[in-house]
Protein backbone atom coordinates (compact mmCIF):
# COMPACT_ATOMS: atom_id res chain seq x y z
CA UNK A 1 -55.70 22.04 147.64
CA UNK A 2 -58.31 24.68 148.28
CA UNK A 3 -55.80 27.27 149.49
CA UNK A 4 -53.57 26.96 146.41
CA UNK A 5 -56.62 27.37 144.20
CA UNK A 6 -57.47 30.52 146.13
CA UNK A 7 -53.93 31.83 145.69
CA UNK A 8 -54.04 31.20 141.95
CA UNK A 9 -57.38 32.97 141.85
CA UNK A 10 -55.91 35.99 143.61
CA UNK A 11 -52.88 36.02 141.33
CA UNK A 12 -55.13 35.93 138.28
CA UNK A 13 -57.19 38.77 139.73
CA UNK A 14 -54.00 40.75 140.32
CA UNK A 15 -53.00 40.28 136.68
CA UNK A 16 -56.39 41.53 135.54
CA UNK A 17 -56.19 44.58 137.78
CA UNK A 18 -52.70 45.40 136.51
CA UNK A 19 -53.85 45.09 132.92
CA UNK A 20 -56.86 47.27 133.58
CA UNK A 21 -54.72 49.89 135.33
CA UNK A 22 -52.24 49.97 132.43
CA UNK A 23 -55.07 50.45 129.95
CA UNK A 24 -56.55 53.20 132.09
CA UNK A 25 -53.21 55.01 132.35
CA UNK A 26 -52.76 54.78 128.59
CA UNK A 27 -56.23 56.24 128.04
CA UNK A 28 -55.72 59.07 130.51
CA UNK A 29 -52.37 60.05 128.98
CA UNK A 30 -53.99 60.05 125.54
CA UNK A 31 -56.83 62.13 126.91
CA UNK A 32 -54.52 64.72 128.44
CA UNK A 33 -52.53 64.88 125.19
CA UNK A 34 -55.76 65.51 123.26
CA UNK A 35 -56.91 68.11 125.76
CA UNK A 36 -53.60 69.93 125.48
CA UNK A 37 -53.82 69.94 121.67
CA UNK A 38 -57.39 71.21 121.83
CA UNK A 39 -56.56 74.03 124.23
CA UNK A 40 -53.60 75.06 122.07
CA UNK A 41 -55.93 75.07 119.07
CA UNK A 42 -58.51 77.13 120.99
CA UNK A 43 -55.90 79.68 121.98
CA UNK A 44 -54.68 79.94 118.42
CA UNK A 45 -58.15 80.48 116.95
CA UNK A 46 -58.95 82.95 119.72
CA UNK A 47 -55.84 84.97 118.91
CA UNK A 48 -56.67 84.82 115.21
CA UNK A 49 -60.19 86.09 115.83
CA UNK A 50 -58.88 88.90 117.98
CA UNK A 51 -56.32 90.05 115.40
CA UNK A 52 -58.89 89.78 112.60
CA UNK A 53 -61.74 91.61 114.29
CA UNK A 54 -61.44 93.00 117.78
CA UNK A 55 -57.86 94.20 117.46
CA UNK A 56 -58.67 96.79 114.81
CA UNK A 57 -60.81 99.00 117.03
CA UNK A 58 -57.98 101.06 118.53
């Protein structure tokens, strides 16, 4: 009886780990999406600043 209880315990643990991993992957994909959007935004504002100010010196 003890061994089956242990197996069920391990199975439950496995489920928890899988769930945690899925949540982590979701978070990391969200994070990379956000980072990409931010860097695009940074590039855009940088280009805008350059064309507004620094570009006119030539």
